Amino acid sequence: MPITVPHELNRADKRILRALEDGVRNPSWLADELDYSRQYVHQRLQLLVAAEHVNNLGHGLYELEALPEEIEED
């Protein structure tokens, strides 16, 4: 099943992107830090990778590729 790219980032997406501004993270760290389930964070990361906001570095690590304009101003 193909991943669809969200047209609008939700609150969790924005929090994940902000956390990734500080460096490379894994879904478990993000889930604990942001108080979401690991499964939910993983799902959101897949969407953010598809939208080219986040890079999957392999071995469960993710980094910020580009902060979307809509949250740069927040």
PDB file of N, CA and C in Angstrom:
ATOM      1  N   MET A   1       0.848  -1.178   0.000  1.00  0.00           N
ATOM      2  CA  MET A   1       0.000   0.000   0.000  1.00  0.00           C
ATOM      3  C   MET A   1       0.892   1.239   0.000  1.00  0.00           C
ATOM      4  N   PRO A   2       0.709   2.166  -0.938  1.00  0.00           N
ATOM      5  CA  PRO A   2       1.553   3.359  -1.010  1.00  0.00           C
ATOM      6  C   PRO A   2       1.272   4.305   0.151  1.00  0.00           C
ATOM      7  N   ILE A   3       2.310   5.022   0.549  1.00  0.00           N
ATOM      8  CA  ILE A   3       2.168   6.011   1.606  1.00  0.00           C
ATOM      9  C   ILE A   3       1.697   7.310   0.975  1.00  0.00           C
ATOM     10  N   THR A   4       0.677   7.905   1.574  1.00  0.00           N
ATOM     11  CA  THR A   4       0.196   9.183   1.073  1.00  0.00           C
ATOM     12  C   THR A   4       0.835  10.295   1.891  1.00  0.00           C
ATOM     13  N   VAL A   5       1.207  11.355   1.218  1.00  0.00           N
ATOM     14  CA  VAL A   5       1.837  12.496   1.870  1.00  0.00           C
ATOM     15  C   VAL A   5       0.735  13.417   2.377  1.00  0.00           C
ATOM     16  N   PRO A   6       0.785  13.781   3.655  1.00  0.00           N
ATOM     17  CA  PRO A   6      -0.263  14.657   4.180  1.00  0.00           C
ATOM     18  C   PRO A   6      -0.196  16.044   3.548  1.00  0.00           C
ATOM     19  N   HIS A   7      -1.362  16.627   3.329  1.00  0.00           N
ATOM     20  CA  HIS A   7      -1.399  17.978   2.774  1.00  0.00           C
ATOM     21  C   HIS A   7      -1.076  19.005   3.851  1.00  0.00           C
ATOM     22  N   GLU A   8      -1.397  18.660   5.082  1.00  0.00           N
ATOM     23  CA  GLU A   8      -1.150  19.565   6.196  1.00  0.00           C
ATOM     24  C   GLU A   8      -0.548  18.768   7.342  1.00  0.00           C
ATOM     25  N   LEU A   9       0.473  19.304   7.940  1.00  0.00           N
ATOM     26  CA  LEU A   9       1.115  18.629   9.055  1.00  0.00           C
ATOM     27  C   LEU A   9       0.222  18.723  10.291  1.00  0.00           C
ATOM     28  N   ASN A  10       0.151  17.623  11.050  1.00  0.00           N
ATOM     29  CA  ASN A  10      -0.602  17.683  12.293  1.00  0.00           C
ATOM     30  C   ASN A  10       0.332  18.080  13.432  1.00  0.00           C
ATOM     31  N   ARG A  11      -0.222  18.207  14.628  1.00  0.00           N
ATOM     32  CA  ARG A  11       0.559  18.655  15.788  1.00  0.00           C
ATOM     33  C   ARG A  11       1.732  17.715  16.071  1.00  0.00           C
ATOM     34  N   ALA A  12       1.484  16.414  15.972  1.00  0.00           N
ATOM     35  CA  ALA A  12       2.548  15.431  16.219  1.00  0.00           C
ATOM     36  C   ALA A  12       3.682  15.596  15.213  1.00  0.00           C
ATOM     37  N   ASP A  13       3.348  15.794  13.944  1.00  0.00           N
ATOM     38  CA  ASP A  13       4.371  15.996  12.911  1.00  0.00           C
ATOM     39  C   ASP A  13       5.253  17.197  13.256  1.00  0.00           C
ATOM     40  N   LYS A  14       4.626  18.271  13.652  1.00  0.00           N
ATOM     41  CA  LYS A  14       5.373  19.482  13.988  1.00  0.00           C
ATOM     42  C   LYS A  14       6.277  19.249  15.195  1.00  0.00           C
ATOM     43  N   ARG A  15       5.776  18.528  16.197  1.00  0.00           N
ATOM     44  CA  ARG A  15       6.591  18.248  17.381  1.00  0.00           C
ATOM     45  C   ARG A  15       7.773  17.342  17.033  1.00  0.00           C
ATOM     46  N   ILE A  16       7.540  16.362  16.165  1.00  0.00           N
ATOM     47  CA  ILE A  16       8.619  15.468  15.729  1.00  0.00           C
ATOM     48  C   ILE A  16       9.682  16.254  14.975  1.00  0.00           C
ATOM     49  N   LEU A  17       9.255  17.099  14.060  1.00  0.00           N
ATOM     50  CA  LEU A  17      10.202  17.902  13.284  1.00  0.00           C
ATOM     51  C   LEU A  17      11.017  18.827  14.184  1.00  0.00           C
ATOM     52  N   ARG A  18      10.372  19.435  15.159  1.00  0.00           N
ATOM     53  CA  ARG A  18      11.089  20.314  16.092  1.00  0.00           C
ATOM     54  C   ARG A  18      12.118  19.516  16.894  1.00  0.00           C
ATOM     55  N   ALA A  19      11.747  18.301  17.316  1.00  0.00           N
ATOM     56  CA  ALA A  19      12.684  17.458  18.069  1.00  0.00           C
ATOM     57  C   ALA A  19      13.878  17.067  17.203  1.00  0.00           C
ATOM     58  N   LEU A  20      13.639  16.848  15.918  1.00  0.00           N
ATOM     59  CA  LEU A  20      14.721  16.470  15.011  1.00  0.00           C
ATOM     60  C   LEU A  20      15.646  17.640  14.679  1.00  0.00           C
ATOM     61  N   GLU A  21      15.214  18.860  14.989  1.00  0.00           N
ATOM     62  CA  GLU A  21      16.105  20.018  14.793  1.00  0.00           C
ATOM     63  C   GLU A  21      17.344  19.903  15.679  1.00  0.00           C
ATOM     64  N   ASP A  22      17.212  19.187  16.790  1.00  0.00           N
ATOM     65  CA  ASP A  22      18.317  19.047  17.739  1.00  0.00           C
ATOM     66  C   ASP A  22      19.276  17.923  17.377  1.00  0.00           C
ATOM     67  N   GLY A  23      18.943  17.145  16.347  1.00  0.00           N
ATOM     68  CA  GLY A  23      19.852  16.087  15.924  1.00  0.00           C
ATOM     69  C   GLY A  23      19.144  14.801  15.557  1.00  0.00           C
ATOM     70  N   VAL A  24      19.934  13.801  15.264  1.00  0.00           N
ATOM     71  CA  VAL A  24      19.444  12.487  14.841  1.00  0.00           C
ATOM     72  C   VAL A  24      18.737  11.812  16.018  1.00  0.00           C
ATOM     73  N   ARG A  25      17.591  11.209  15.740  1.00  0.00           N
ATOM     74  CA  ARG A  25      16.787  10.545  16.768  1.00  0.00           C
ATOM     75  C   ARG A  25      16.227   9.237  16.236  1.00  0.00           C
ATOM     76  N   ASN A  26      15.814   8.370  17.163  1.00  0.00           N
ATOM     77  CA  ASN A  26      15.116   7.149  16.774  1.00  0.00           C
ATOM     78  C   ASN A  26      13.667   7.235  17.263  1.00  0.00           C
ATOM     79  N   PRO A  27      12.766   6.405  16.720  1.00  0.00           N
ATOM     80  CA  PRO A  27      11.357   6.478  17.097  1.00  0.00           C
ATOM     81  C   PRO A  27      11.109   6.263  18.592  1.00  0.00           C
ATOM     82  N   SER A  28      11.887   5.409  19.232  1.00  0.00           N
ATOM     83  CA  SER A  28      11.687   5.166  20.665  1.00  0.00           C
ATOM     84  C   SER A  28      11.974   6.428  21.472  1.00  0.00           C
ATOM     85  N   TRP A  29      13.071   7.098  21.160  1.00  0.00           N
ATOM     86  CA  TRP A  29      13.400   8.337  21.863  1.00  0.00           C
ATOM     87  C   TRP A  29      12.304   9.371  21.649  1.00  0.00           C
ATOM     88  N   LEU A  30      11.880   9.542  20.394  1.00  0.00           N
ATOM     89  CA  LEU A  30      10.832  10.518  20.085  1.00  0.00           C
ATOM     90  C   LEU A  30       9.536  10.182  20.808  1.00  0.00           C
ATOM     91  N   ALA A  31       9.162   8.905  20.827  1.00  0.00           N
ATOM     92  CA  ALA A  31       7.933   8.486  21.495  1.00  0.00           C
ATOM     93  C   ALA A  31       7.990   8.819  22.982  1.00  0.00           C
ATOM     94  N   ASP A  32       9.096   8.505  23.619  1.00  0.00           N
ATOM     95  CA  ASP A  32       9.253   8.793  25.051  1.00  0.00           C
ATOM     96  C   ASP A  32       9.259  10.297  25.314  1.00  0.00           C
ATOM     97  N   GLU A  33      10.016  11.013  24.534  1.00  0.00           N
ATOM     98  CA  GLU A  33      10.169  12.456  24.730  1.00  0.00           C
ATOM     99  C   GLU A  33       8.868  13.219  24.469  1.00  0.00           C
ATOM    100  N   LEU A  34       8.124  12.788  23.451  1.00  0.00           N
ATOM    101  CA  LEU A  34       6.923  13.518  23.031  1.00  0.00           C
ATOM    102  C   LEU A  34       5.627  12.909  23.556  1.00  0.00           C
ATOM    103  N   ASP A  35       5.743  11.810  24.275  1.00  0.00           N
ATOM    104  CA  ASP A  35       4.596  11.122  24.887  1.00  0.00           C
ATOM    105  C   ASP A  35       3.579  10.617  23.851  1.00  0.00           C
ATOM    106  N   TYR A  36       4.100   9.962  22.826  1.00  0.00           N
ATOM    107  CA  TYR A  36       3.291   9.268  21.830  1.00  0.00           C
ATOM    108  C   TYR A  36       3.715   7.801  21.832  1.00  0.00           C
ATOM    109  N   SER A  37       2.892   6.939  21.256  1.00  0.00           N
ATOM    110  CA  SER A  37       3.304   5.542  21.145  1.00  0.00           C
ATOM    111  C   SER A  37       4.395   5.435  20.074  1.00  0.00           C
ATOM    112  N   ARG A  38       5.253   4.444  20.228  1.00  0.00           N
ATOM    113  CA  ARG A  38       6.320   4.218  19.253  1.00  0.00           C
ATOM    114  C   ARG A  38       5.741   3.935  17.874  1.00  0.00           C
ATOM    115  N   GLN A  39       4.654   3.179  17.844  1.00  0.00           N
ATOM    116  CA  GLN A  39       4.005   2.840  16.578  1.00  0.00           C
ATOM    117  C   GLN A  39       3.490   4.103  15.879  1.00  0.00           C
ATOM    118  N   TYR A  40       2.887   5.010  16.639  1.00  0.00           N
ATOM    119  CA  TYR A  40       2.372   6.248  16.051  1.00  0.00           C
ATOM    120  C   TYR A  40       3.520   7.108  15.511  1.00  0.00           C
ATOM    121  N   VAL A  41       4.589   7.226  16.285  1.00  0.00           N
ATOM    122  CA  VAL A  41       5.748   8.007  15.840  1.00  0.00           C
ATOM    123  C   VAL A  41       6.330   7.401  14.568  1.00  0.00           C
ATOM    124  N   HIS A  42       6.445   6.090  14.533  1.00  0.00           N
ATOM    125  CA  HIS A  42       6.973   5.425  13.340  1.00  0.00           C
ATOM    126  C   HIS A  42       6.097   5.735  12.119  1.00  0.00           C
ATOM    127  N   GLN A  43       4.789   5.679  12.301  1.00  0.00           N
ATOM    128  CA  GLN A  43       3.850   5.979  11.209  1.00  0.00           C
ATOM    129  C   GLN A  43       4.038   7.420  10.719  1.00  0.00           C
ATOM    130  N   ARG A  44       4.139   8.358  11.646  1.00  0.00           N
ATOM    131  CA  ARG A  44       4.303   9.764  11.276  1.00  0.00           C
ATOM    132  C   ARG A  44       5.654   9.989  10.593  1.00  0.00           C
ATOM    133  N   LEU A  45       6.696   9.303  11.070  1.00  0.00           N
ATOM    134  CA  LEU A  45       8.012   9.430  10.437  1.00  0.00           C
ATOM    135  C   LEU A  45       7.975   8.947   8.993  1.00  0.00           C
ATOM    136  N   GLN A  46       7.259   7.858   8.730  1.00  0.00           N
ATOM    137  CA  GLN A  46       7.151   7.367   7.349  1.00  0.00           C
ATOM    138  C   GLN A  46       6.511   8.420   6.453  1.00  0.00           C
ATOM    139  N   LEU A  47       5.487   9.088   6.960  1.00  0.00           N
ATOM    140  CA  LEU A  47       4.840  10.147   6.184  1.00  0.00           C
ATOM    141  C   LEU A  47       5.777  11.335   5.982  1.00  0.00           C
ATOM    142  N   LEU A  48       6.533  11.671   7.003  1.00  0.00           N
ATOM    143  CA  LEU A  48       7.465  12.789   6.896  1.00  0.00           C
ATOM    144  C   LEU A  48       8.621  12.483   5.947  1.00  0.00           C
ATOM    145  N   VAL A  49       9.041  11.227   5.897  1.00  0.00           N
ATOM    146  CA  VAL A  49      10.056  10.802   4.927  1.00  0.00           C
ATOM    147  C   VAL A  49       9.484  10.925   3.517  1.00  0.00           C
ATOM    148  N   ALA A  50       8.260  10.454   3.320  1.00  0.00           N
ATOM    149  CA  ALA A  50       7.623  10.526   2.002  1.00  0.00           C
ATOM    150  C   ALA A  50       7.452  11.972   1.548  1.00  0.00           C
ATOM    151  N   ALA A  51       7.234  12.874   2.504  1.00  0.00           N
ATOM    152  CA  ALA A  51       7.066  14.296   2.185  1.00  0.00           C
ATOM    153  C   ALA A  51       8.410  15.008   2.052  1.00  0.00           C
ATOM    154  N   GLU A  52       9.504  14.260   2.242  1.00  0.00           N
ATOM    155  CA  GLU A  52      10.870  14.766   2.119  1.00  0.00           C
ATOM    156  C   GLU A  52      11.223  15.836   3.151  1.00  0.00           C
ATOM    157  N   HIS A  53      10.620  15.709   4.344  1.00  0.00           N
ATOM    158  CA  HIS A  53      10.974  16.581   5.460  1.00  0.00           C
ATOM    159  C   HIS A  53      12.011  15.915   6.347  1.00  0.00           C
ATOM    160  N   VAL A  54      12.065  14.571   6.281  1.00  0.00           N
ATOM    161  CA  VAL A  54      12.924  13.776   7.159  1.00  0.00           C
ATOM    162  C   VAL A  54      13.661  12.734   6.324  1.00  0.00           C
ATOM    163  N   ASN A  55      14.899  12.452   6.695  1.00  0.00           N
ATOM    164  CA  ASN A  55      15.689  11.383   6.066  1.00  0.00           C
ATOM    165  C   ASN A  55      15.727  10.177   6.989  1.00  0.00           C
ATOM    166  N   ASN A  56      15.530   8.991   6.418  1.00  0.00           N
ATOM    167  CA  ASN A  56      15.724   7.745   7.143  1.00  0.00           C
ATOM    168  C   ASN A  56      17.168   7.327   6.910  1.00  0.00           C
ATOM    169  N   LEU A  57      17.966   7.359   7.963  1.00  0.00           N
ATOM    170  CA  LEU A  57      19.386   7.043   7.852  1.00  0.00           C
ATOM    171  C   LEU A  57      19.664   5.558   7.963  1.00  0.00           C
ATOM    172  N   GLY A  58      18.645   4.770   8.224  1.00  0.00           N
ATOM    173  CA  GLY A  58      18.830   3.342   8.451  1.00  0.00           C
ATOM    174  C   GLY A  58      19.120   3.080   9.915  1.00  0.00           C
ATOM    175  N   HIS A  59      19.054   1.813  10.297  1.00  0.00           N
ATOM    176  CA  HIS A  59      19.308   1.402  11.680  1.00  0.00           C
ATOM    177  C   HIS A  59      18.395   2.126  12.671  1.00  0.00           C
ATOM    178  N   GLY A  60      17.192   2.524  12.218  1.00  0.00           N
ATOM    179  CA  GLY A  60      16.223   3.163  13.094  1.00  0.00           C
ATOM    180  C   GLY A  60      16.507   4.622  13.418  1.00  0.00           C
ATOM    181  N   LEU A  61      17.344   5.270  12.631  1.00  0.00           N
ATOM    182  CA  LEU A  61      17.701   6.664  12.892  1.00  0.00           C
ATOM    183  C   LEU A  61      17.118   7.591  11.827  1.00  0.00           C
ATOM    184  N   TYR A  62      16.681   8.748  12.295  1.00  0.00           N
ATOM    185  CA  TYR A  62      16.069   9.739  11.413  1.00  0.00           C
ATOM    186  C   TYR A  62      16.685  11.095  11.687  1.00  0.00           C
ATOM    187  N   GLU A  63      16.765  11.910  10.614  1.00  0.00           N
ATOM    188  CA  GLU A  63      17.258  13.279  10.755  1.00  0.00           C
ATOM    189  C   GLU A  63      16.356  14.215   9.972  1.00  0.00           C
ATOM    190  N   LEU A  64      16.360  15.461  10.382  1.00  0.00           N
ATOM    191  CA  LEU A  64      15.608  16.490   9.692  1.00  0.00           C
ATOM    192  C   LEU A  64      16.271  16.796   8.359  1.00  0.00           C
ATOM    193  N   GLU A  65      15.490  16.791   7.290  1.00  0.00           N
ATOM    194  CA  GLU A  65      16.012  17.178   5.975  1.00  0.00           C
ATOM    195  C   GLU A  65      15.729  18.650   5.728  1.00  0.00           C
ATOM    196  N   ALA A  66      14.477  19.032   5.905  1.00  0.00           N
ATOM    197  CA  ALA A  66      14.087  20.416   5.658  1.00  0.00           C
ATOM    198  C   ALA A  66      12.881  20.749   6.523  1.00  0.00           C
ATOM    199  N   LEU A  67      12.985  21.828   7.255  1.00  0.00           N
ATOM    200  CA  LEU A  67      11.867  22.282   8.066  1.00  0.00           C
ATOM    201  C   LEU A  67      10.858  22.960   7.146  1.00  0.00           C
ATOM    202  N   PRO A  68       9.621  22.463   7.112  1.00  0.00           N
ATOM    203  CA  PRO A  68       8.615  23.056   6.220  1.00  0.00           C
ATOM    204  C   PRO A  68       8.349  24.517   6.557  1.00  0.00           C
ATOM    205  N   GLU A  69       8.050  25.295   5.554  1.00  0.00           N
ATOM    206  CA  GLU A  69       7.787  26.722   5.745  1.00  0.00           C
ATOM    207  C   GLU A  69       6.697  26.967   6.768  1.00  0.00           C
ATOM    208  N   GLU A  70       5.691  26.100   6.788  1.00  0.00           N
ATOM    209  CA  GLU A  70       4.546  26.335   7.680  1.00  0.00           C
ATOM    210  C   GLU A  70       4.900  26.271   9.160  1.00  0.00           C
ATOM    211  N   ILE A  71       6.022  25.648   9.514  1.00  0.00           N
ATOM    212  CA  ILE A  71       6.397  25.660  10.923  1.00  0.00           C
ATOM    213  C   ILE A  71       7.656  26.471  11.189  1.00  0.00           C
ATOM    214  N   GLU A  72       8.310  26.943  10.162  1.00  0.00           N
ATOM    215  CA  GLU A  72       9.463  27.822  10.358  1.00  0.00           C
ATOM    216  C   GLU A  72       9.036  29.112  11.045  1.00  0.00           C
ATOM    217  N   GLU A  73       7.799  29.524  10.791  1.00  0.00           N
ATOM    218  CA  GLU A  73       7.302  30.787  11.324  1.00  0.00           C
ATOM    219  C   GLU A  73       6.694  30.637  12.708  1.00  0.00           C
ATOM    220  N   ASP A  74       6.466  29.392  13.176  1.00  0.00           N
ATOM    221  CA  ASP A  74       5.864  29.165  14.499  1.00  0.00           C
ATOM    222  C   ASP A  74       6.757  29.647  15.611  1.00  0.00           C
TER     223      ASP A  74
END
